[in-house]
């Protein structure tokens, strides 16, 4: 995906296709919808929220936000 704005819109569209939304995920997690939106937009990070979105879409957080996980996987590589 090209950027965080486009990425966010694609995530929202994919959630709609499976009958869900960022607001639904917020209710399921017992948190504010703005927190889920900020995570989807890339303005904040939350492994719990990223995993909930990915689980709802049947994929991994890494596939939704590859840029967020590049450093972590590079750090785990042996020198």
PDB file of N, CA and C in Angstrom:
ATOM      1  N   UNK A   1       0.842  -1.173   0.000  1.00  0.00           N
ATOM      2  CA  UNK A   1       0.000   0.000   0.000  1.00  0.00           C
ATOM      3  C   UNK A   1       0.888   1.236   0.000  1.00  0.00           C
ATOM      4  N   UNK A   2       0.404   2.292  -0.627  1.00  0.00           N
ATOM      5  CA  UNK A   2       1.277   3.427  -0.872  1.00  0.00           C
ATOM      6  C   UNK A   2       1.497   4.329   0.322  1.00  0.00           C
ATOM      7  N   UNK A   3       0.488   4.638   1.069  1.00  0.00           N
ATOM      8  CA  UNK A   3       0.668   5.549   2.188  1.00  0.00           C
ATOM      9  C   UNK A   3      -0.319   5.257   3.286  1.00  0.00           C
ATOM     10  N   UNK A   4      -0.128   5.934   4.410  1.00  0.00           N
ATOM     11  CA  UNK A   4      -0.976   5.636   5.556  1.00  0.00           C
ATOM     12  C   UNK A   4      -2.427   6.018   5.314  1.00  0.00           C
ATOM     13  N   UNK A   5      -2.679   7.118   4.592  1.00  0.00           N
ATOM     14  CA  UNK A   5      -4.065   7.522   4.312  1.00  0.00           C
ATOM     15  C   UNK A   5      -4.762   6.465   3.449  1.00  0.00           C
ATOM     16  N   UNK A   6      -4.096   6.064   2.373  1.00  0.00           N
ATOM     17  CA  UNK A   6      -4.672   5.056   1.492  1.00  0.00           C
ATOM     18  C   UNK A   6      -4.818   3.718   2.217  1.00  0.00           C
ATOM     19  N   UNK A   7      -3.817   3.403   3.006  1.00  0.00           N
ATOM     20  CA  UNK A   7      -3.823   2.164   3.784  1.00  0.00           C
ATOM     21  C   UNK A   7      -5.040   2.143   4.713  1.00  0.00           C
ATOM     22  N   UNK A   8      -5.259   3.254   5.401  1.00  0.00           N
ATOM     23  CA  UNK A   8      -6.386   3.384   6.326  1.00  0.00           C
ATOM     24  C   UNK A   8      -7.712   3.184   5.588  1.00  0.00           C
ATOM     25  N   UNK A   9      -7.848   3.797   4.426  1.00  0.00           N
ATOM     26  CA  UNK A   9      -9.086   3.672   3.651  1.00  0.00           C
ATOM     27  C   UNK A   9      -9.303   2.233   3.185  1.00  0.00           C
ATOM     28  N   UNK A  10      -8.238   1.568   2.801  1.00  0.00           N
ATOM     29  CA  UNK A  10      -8.346   0.165   2.377  1.00  0.00           C
ATOM     30  C   UNK A  10      -8.762  -0.714   3.556  1.00  0.00           C
ATOM     31  N   UNK A  11      -8.201  -0.462   4.724  1.00  0.00           N
ATOM     32  CA  UNK A  11      -8.569  -1.232   5.919  1.00  0.00           C
ATOM     33  C   UNK A  11     -10.050  -1.040   6.225  1.00  0.00           C
ATOM     34  N   UNK A  12     -10.528   0.203   6.186  1.00  0.00           N
ATOM     35  CA  UNK A  12     -11.950   0.469   6.440  1.00  0.00           C
ATOM     36  C   UNK A  12     -12.835  -0.253   5.420  1.00  0.00           C
ATOM     37  N   UNK A  13     -12.442  -0.217   4.151  1.00  0.00           N
ATOM     38  CA  UNK A  13     -13.210  -0.892   3.109  1.00  0.00           C
ATOM     39  C   UNK A  13     -13.240  -2.404   3.336  1.00  0.00           C
ATOM     40  N   UNK A  14     -12.085  -2.969   3.652  1.00  0.00           N
ATOM     41  CA  UNK A  14     -12.021  -4.414   3.896  1.00  0.00           C
ATOM     42  C   UNK A  14     -12.873  -4.805   5.103  1.00  0.00           C
ATOM     43  N   UNK A  15     -12.870  -3.976   6.141  1.00  0.00           N
ATOM     44  CA  UNK A  15     -13.708  -4.254   7.308  1.00  0.00           C
ATOM     45  C   UNK A  15     -15.187  -4.224   6.922  1.00  0.00           C
ATOM     46  N   UNK A  16     -15.582  -3.251   6.113  1.00  0.00           N
ATOM     47  CA  UNK A  16     -16.978  -3.184   5.661  1.00  0.00           C
ATOM     48  C   UNK A  16     -17.362  -4.451   4.896  1.00  0.00           C
ATOM     49  N   UNK A  17     -16.438  -4.951   4.084  1.00  0.00           N
ATOM     50  CA  UNK A  17     -16.723  -6.155   3.294  1.00  0.00           C
ATOM     51  C   UNK A  17     -16.964  -7.385   4.163  1.00  0.00           C
ATOM     52  N   UNK A  18     -16.384  -7.405   5.362  1.00  0.00           N
ATOM     53  CA  UNK A  18     -16.617  -8.540   6.267  1.00  0.00           C
ATOM     54  C   UNK A  18     -17.668  -8.202   7.329  1.00  0.00           C
ATOM     55  N   UNK A  19     -18.383  -7.080   7.119  1.00  0.00           N
ATOM     56  CA  UNK A  19     -19.471  -6.713   8.023  1.00  0.00           C
ATOM     57  C   UNK A  19     -19.020  -6.107   9.327  1.00  0.00           C
ATOM     58  N   UNK A  20     -17.895  -5.449   9.319  1.00  0.00           N
ATOM     59  CA  UNK A  20     -17.374  -4.851  10.541  1.00  0.00           C
ATOM     60  C   UNK A  20     -16.942  -3.415  10.269  1.00  0.00           C
ATOM     61  N   UNK A  21     -16.361  -2.800  11.285  1.00  0.00           N
ATOM     62  CA  UNK A  21     -15.865  -1.430  11.165  1.00  0.00           C
ATOM     63  C   UNK A  21     -14.868  -1.177  12.286  1.00  0.00           C
ATOM     64  N   UNK A  22     -14.185  -0.054  12.192  1.00  0.00           N
ATOM     65  CA  UNK A  22     -13.264   0.322  13.268  1.00  0.00           C
ATOM     66  C   UNK A  22     -14.039   0.542  14.562  1.00  0.00           C
ATOM     67  N   UNK A  23     -15.254   1.091  14.460  1.00  0.00           N
ATOM     68  CA  UNK A  23     -16.085   1.305  15.650  1.00  0.00           C
ATOM     69  C   UNK A  23     -16.470  -0.026  16.297  1.00  0.00           C
ATOM     70  N   UNK A  24     -16.767  -1.035  15.481  1.00  0.00           N
ATOM     71  CA  UNK A  24     -17.090  -2.369  16.019  1.00  0.00           C
ATOM     72  C   UNK A  24     -15.901  -2.941  16.782  1.00  0.00           C
ATOM     73  N   UNK A  25     -14.722  -2.783  16.222  1.00  0.00           N
ATOM     74  CA  UNK A  25     -13.517  -3.279  16.891  1.00  0.00           C
ATOM     75  C   UNK A  25     -13.313  -2.544  18.207  1.00  0.00           C
ATOM     76  N   UNK A  26     -13.551  -1.237  18.210  1.00  0.00           N
ATOM     77  CA  UNK A  26     -13.419  -0.460  19.446  1.00  0.00           C
ATOM     78  C   UNK A  26     -14.380  -0.987  20.510  1.00  0.00           C
ATOM     79  N   UNK A  27     -15.623  -1.252  20.126  1.00  0.00           N
ATOM     80  CA  UNK A  27     -16.598  -1.785  21.087  1.00  0.00           C
ATOM     81  C   UNK A  27     -16.153  -3.141  21.620  1.00  0.00           C
ATOM     82  N   UNK A  28     -15.667  -3.998  20.726  1.00  0.00           N
ATOM     83  CA  UNK A  28     -15.209  -5.328  21.147  1.00  0.00           C
ATOM     84  C   UNK A  28     -14.055  -5.240  22.141  1.00  0.00           C
ATOM     85  N   UNK A  29     -13.182  -4.253  21.945  1.00  0.00           N
ATOM     86  CA  UNK A  29     -12.018  -4.095  22.825  1.00  0.00           C
ATOM     87  C   UNK A  29     -12.313  -3.222  24.043  1.00  0.00           C
ATOM     88  N   UNK A  30     -13.473  -2.570  24.055  1.00  0.00           N
ATOM     89  CA  UNK A  30     -13.834  -1.703  25.170  1.00  0.00           C
ATOM     90  C   UNK A  30     -13.014  -0.424  25.217  1.00  0.00           C
ATOM     91  N   UNK A  31     -12.702   0.115  24.040  1.00  0.00           N
ATOM     92  CA  UNK A  31     -11.900   1.339  23.970  1.00  0.00           C
ATOM     93  C   UNK A  31     -12.589   2.357  23.068  1.00  0.00           C
ATOM     94  N   UNK A  32     -12.059   3.577  23.059  1.00  0.00           N
ATOM     95  CA  UNK A  32     -12.620   4.642  22.243  1.00  0.00           C
ATOM     96  C   UNK A  32     -12.369   4.385  20.754  1.00  0.00           C
ATOM     97  N   UNK A  33     -13.359   4.665  19.913  1.00  0.00           N
ATOM     98  CA  UNK A  33     -13.158   4.505  18.466  1.00  0.00           C
ATOM     99  C   UNK A  33     -12.008   5.350  17.925  1.00  0.00           C
ATOM    100  N   UNK A  34     -11.775   6.507  18.514  1.00  0.00           N
ATOM    101  CA  UNK A  34     -10.682   7.363  18.041  1.00  0.00           C
ATOM    102  C   UNK A  34      -9.328   6.691  18.221  1.00  0.00           C
ATOM    103  N   UNK A  35      -9.206   5.849  19.226  1.00  0.00           N
ATOM    104  CA  UNK A  35      -7.951   5.136  19.458  1.00  0.00           C
ATOM    105  C   UNK A  35      -7.710   4.104  18.355  1.00  0.00           C
ATOM    106  N   UNK A  36      -8.763   3.412  17.959  1.00  0.00           N
ATOM    107  CA  UNK A  36      -8.646   2.428  16.880  1.00  0.00           C
ATOM    108  C   UNK A  36      -8.355   3.140  15.561  1.00  0.00           C
ATOM    109  N   UNK A  37      -9.037   4.252  15.321  1.00  0.00           N
ATOM    110  CA  UNK A  37      -8.806   5.024  14.100  1.00  0.00           C
ATOM    111  C   UNK A  37      -7.369   5.521  14.038  1.00  0.00           C
ATOM    112  N   UNK A  38      -6.866   6.063  15.145  1.00  0.00           N
ATOM    113  CA  UNK A  38      -5.488   6.570  15.170  1.00  0.00           C
ATOM    114  C   UNK A  38      -4.485   5.460  14.887  1.00  0.00           C
ATOM    115  N   UNK A  39      -4.756   4.272  15.363  1.00  0.00           N
ATOM    116  CA  UNK A  39      -3.869   3.136  15.094  1.00  0.00           C
ATOM    117  C   UNK A  39      -3.934   2.746  13.622  1.00  0.00           C
ATOM    118  N   UNK A  40      -5.133   2.697  13.072  1.00  0.00           N
ATOM    119  CA  UNK A  40      -5.282   2.358  11.657  1.00  0.00           C
ATOM    120  C   UNK A  40      -4.608   3.393  10.760  1.00  0.00           C
ATOM    121  N   UNK A  41      -4.664   4.654  11.168  1.00  0.00           N
ATOM    122  CA  UNK A  41      -4.054   5.736  10.385  1.00  0.00           C
ATOM    123  C   UNK A  41      -2.543   5.811  10.546  1.00  0.00           C
ATOM    124  N   UNK A  42      -2.005   5.077  11.489  1.00  0.00           N
ATOM    125  CA  UNK A  42      -0.563   5.114  11.711  1.00  0.00           C
ATOM    126  C   UNK A  42      -0.117   6.224  12.638  1.00  0.00           C
ATOM    127  N   UNK A  43      -1.057   6.881  13.304  1.00  0.00           N
ATOM    128  CA  UNK A  43      -0.713   7.975  14.219  1.00  0.00           C
ATOM    129  C   UNK A  43      -0.264   7.462  15.575  1.00  0.00           C
ATOM    130  N   UNK A  44      -0.626   6.228  15.885  1.00  0.00           N
ATOM    131  CA  UNK A  44      -0.178   5.579  17.118  1.00  0.00           C
ATOM    132  C   UNK A  44      -0.043   4.094  16.851  1.00  0.00           C
ATOM    133  N   UNK A  45       0.643   3.418  17.755  1.00  0.00           N
ATOM    134  CA  UNK A  45       0.822   1.972  17.620  1.00  0.00           C
ATOM    135  C   UNK A  45       0.207   1.271  18.813  1.00  0.00           C
ATOM    136  N   UNK A  46      -0.450   0.189  18.541  1.00  0.00           N
ATOM    137  CA  UNK A  46      -1.001  -0.662  19.584  1.00  0.00           C
ATOM    138  C   UNK A  46      -1.054  -2.079  19.028  1.00  0.00           C
ATOM    139  N   UNK A  47      -0.227  -2.918  19.561  1.00  0.00           N
ATOM    140  CA  UNK A  47      -0.204  -4.307  19.095  1.00  0.00           C
ATOM    141  C   UNK A  47      -1.582  -4.953  19.270  1.00  0.00           C
ATOM    142  N   UNK A  48      -2.244  -4.662  20.370  1.00  0.00           N
ATOM    143  CA  UNK A  48      -3.562  -5.237  20.649  1.00  0.00           C
ATOM    144  C   UNK A  48      -4.582  -4.834  19.569  1.00  0.00           C
ATOM    145  N   UNK A  49      -4.590  -3.555  19.209  1.00  0.00           N
ATOM    146  CA  UNK A  49      -5.530  -3.071  18.199  1.00  0.00           C
ATOM    147  C   UNK A  49      -5.148  -3.601  16.822  1.00  0.00           C
ATOM    148  N   UNK A  50      -3.864  -3.567  16.497  1.00  0.00           N
ATOM    149  CA  UNK A  50      -3.404  -4.084  15.207  1.00  0.00           C
ATOM    150  C   UNK A  50      -3.795  -5.551  15.053  1.00  0.00           C
ATOM    151  N   UNK A  51      -3.631  -6.327  16.116  1.00  0.00           N
ATOM    152  CA  UNK A  51      -3.982  -7.749  16.059  1.00  0.00           C
ATOM    153  C   UNK A  51      -5.487  -7.943  15.909  1.00  0.00           C
ATOM    154  N   UNK A  52      -6.280  -7.109  16.583  1.00  0.00           N
ATOM    155  CA  UNK A  52      -7.738  -7.230  16.480  1.00  0.00           C
ATOM    156  C   UNK A  52      -8.217  -6.930  15.062  1.00  0.00           C
ATOM    157  N   UNK A  53      -7.659  -5.891  14.450  1.00  0.00           N
ATOM    158  CA  UNK A  53      -8.029  -5.549  13.071  1.00  0.00           C
ATOM    159  C   UNK A  53      -7.620  -6.682  12.131  1.00  0.00           C
ATOM    160  N   UNK A  54      -6.393  -7.140  12.270  1.00  0.00           N
ATOM    161  CA  UNK A  54      -5.892  -8.210  11.397  1.00  0.00           C
ATOM    162  C   UNK A  54      -6.707  -9.496  11.568  1.00  0.00           C
ATOM    163  N   UNK A  55      -7.019  -9.836  12.802  1.00  0.00           N
ATOM    164  CA  UNK A  55      -7.800 -11.049  13.068  1.00  0.00           C
ATOM    165  C   UNK A  55      -9.167 -10.953  12.376  1.00  0.00           C
ATOM    166  N   UNK A  56      -9.793  -9.783  12.466  1.00  0.00           N
ATOM    167  CA  UNK A  56     -11.102  -9.584  11.832  1.00  0.00           C
ATOM    168  C   UNK A  56     -11.005  -9.737  10.313  1.00  0.00           C
ATOM    169  N   UNK A  57      -9.852  -9.353   9.753  1.00  0.00           N
ATOM    170  CA  UNK A  57      -9.655  -9.432   8.305  1.00  0.00           C
ATOM    171  C   UNK A  57      -9.032 -10.754   7.858  1.00  0.00           C
ATOM    172  N   UNK A  58      -8.692 -11.612   8.822  1.00  0.00           N
ATOM    173  CA  UNK A  58      -8.116 -12.912   8.480  1.00  0.00           C
ATOM    174  C   UNK A  58      -6.710 -12.828   7.927  1.00  0.00           C
ATOM    175  N   UNK A  59      -5.929 -11.902   8.461  1.00  0.00           N
ATOM    176  CA  UNK A  59      -4.547 -11.748   8.005  1.00  0.00           C
ATOM    177  C   UNK A  59      -3.662 -11.403   9.206  1.00  0.00           C
ATOM    178  N   UNK A  60      -2.446 -11.011   8.949  1.00  0.00           N
ATOM    179  CA  UNK A  60      -1.523 -10.644  10.027  1.00  0.00           C
ATOM    180  C   UNK A  60      -1.339  -9.132  10.070  1.00  0.00           C
ATOM    181  N   UNK A  61      -0.990  -8.595  11.237  1.00  0.00           N
ATOM    182  CA  UNK A  61      -0.671  -7.165  11.305  1.00  0.00           C
ATOM    183  C   UNK A  61       0.463  -6.795  10.346  1.00  0.00           C
ATOM    184  N   UNK A  62       1.420  -7.693  10.185  1.00  0.00           N
ATOM    185  CA  UNK A  62       2.555  -7.435   9.297  1.00  0.00           C
ATOM    186  C   UNK A  62       2.098  -7.212   7.859  1.00  0.00           C
ATOM    187  N   UNK A  63       1.061  -7.921   7.434  1.00  0.00           N
ATOM    188  CA  UNK A  63       0.584  -7.741   6.059  1.00  0.00           C
ATOM    189  C   UNK A  63      -0.194  -6.440   5.896  1.00  0.00           C
ATOM    190  N   UNK A  64      -0.806  -5.950   6.968  1.00  0.00           N
ATOM    191  CA  UNK A  64      -1.544  -4.683   6.901  1.00  0.00           C
ATOM    192  C   UNK A  64      -0.629  -3.473   7.015  1.00  0.00           C
ATOM    193  N   UNK A  65       0.373  -3.563   7.882  1.00  0.00           N
ATOM    194  CA  UNK A  65       1.288  -2.450   8.136  1.00  0.00           C
ATOM    195  C   UNK A  65       2.733  -2.925   8.011  1.00  0.00           C
ATOM    196  N   UNK A  66       3.173  -3.280   6.820  1.00  0.00           N
ATOM    197  CA  UNK A  66       4.529  -3.833   6.674  1.00  0.00           C
ATOM    198  C   UNK A  66       5.623  -2.876   7.147  1.00  0.00           C
ATOM    199  N   UNK A  67       5.425  -1.598   6.985  1.00  0.00           N
ATOM    200  CA  UNK A  67       6.427  -0.624   7.412  1.00  0.00           C
ATOM    201  C   UNK A  67       6.634  -0.589   8.913  1.00  0.00           C
ATOM    202  N   UNK A  68       5.635  -0.974   9.670  1.00  0.00           N
ATOM    203  CA  UNK A  68       5.751  -0.969  11.128  1.00  0.00           C
ATOM    204  C   UNK A  68       6.587  -2.134  11.638  1.00  0.00           C
ATOM    205  N   UNK A  69       6.718  -3.162  10.828  1.00  0.00           N
ATOM    206  CA  UNK A  69       7.382  -4.376  11.290  1.00  0.00           C
ATOM    207  C   UNK A  69       8.731  -4.612  10.641  1.00  0.00           C
ATOM    208  N   UNK A  70       9.139  -3.751   9.737  1.00  0.00           N
ATOM    209  CA  UNK A  70      10.425  -3.910   9.052  1.00  0.00           C
ATOM    210  C   UNK A  70      11.575  -3.864  10.040  1.00  0.00           C
ATOM    211  N   UNK A  71      11.579  -2.844  10.913  1.00  0.00           N
ATOM    212  CA  UNK A  71      12.668  -2.695  11.877  1.00  0.00           C
ATOM    213  C   UNK A  71      12.732  -3.873  12.833  1.00  0.00           C
ATOM    214  N   UNK A  72      11.573  -4.328  13.298  1.00  0.00           N
ATOM    215  CA  UNK A  72      11.556  -5.433  14.259  1.00  0.00           C
ATOM    216  C   UNK A  72      12.142  -6.697  13.641  1.00  0.00           C
ATOM    217  N   UNK A  73      11.791  -6.983  12.395  1.00  0.00           N
ATOM    218  CA  UNK A  73      12.324  -8.198  11.783  1.00  0.00           C
ATOM    219  C   UNK A  73      13.801  -8.036  11.455  1.00  0.00           C
ATOM    220  N   UNK A  74      14.229  -6.841  11.094  1.00  0.00           N
ATOM    221  CA  UNK A  74      15.642  -6.604  10.794  1.00  0.00           C
ATOM    222  C   UNK A  74      16.490  -6.729  12.055  1.00  0.00           C
ATOM    223  N   UNK A  75      15.950  -6.273  13.191  1.00  0.00           N
ATOM    224  CA  UNK A  75      16.691  -6.369  14.448  1.00  0.00           C
ATOM    225  C   UNK A  75      16.853  -7.817  14.884  1.00  0.00           C
ATOM    226  N   UNK A  76      15.884  -8.674  14.529  1.00  0.00           N
ATOM    227  CA  UNK A  76      15.947 -10.071  14.933  1.00  0.00           C
ATOM    228  C   UNK A  76      16.869 -10.909  14.070  1.00  0.00           C
ATOM    229  N   UNK A  77      17.294 -10.359  12.938  1.00  0.00           N
ATOM    230  CA  UNK A  77      18.195 -11.104  12.060  1.00  0.00           C
ATOM    231  C   UNK A  77      19.583 -11.189  12.671  1.00  0.00           C
ATOM    232  N   UNK A  78      20.227 -12.330  12.555  1.00  0.00           N
ATOM    233  CA  UNK A  78      21.590 -12.439  13.085  1.00  0.00           C
ATOM    234  C   UNK A  78      22.539 -11.564  12.273  1.00  0.00           C
ATOM    235  N   UNK A  79      23.595 -11.054  12.913  1.00  0.00           N
ATOM    236  CA  UNK A  79      24.533 -10.164  12.212  1.00  0.00           C
ATOM    237  C   UNK A  79      25.321 -10.874  11.137  1.00  0.00           C
TER     238      UNK A  79
END
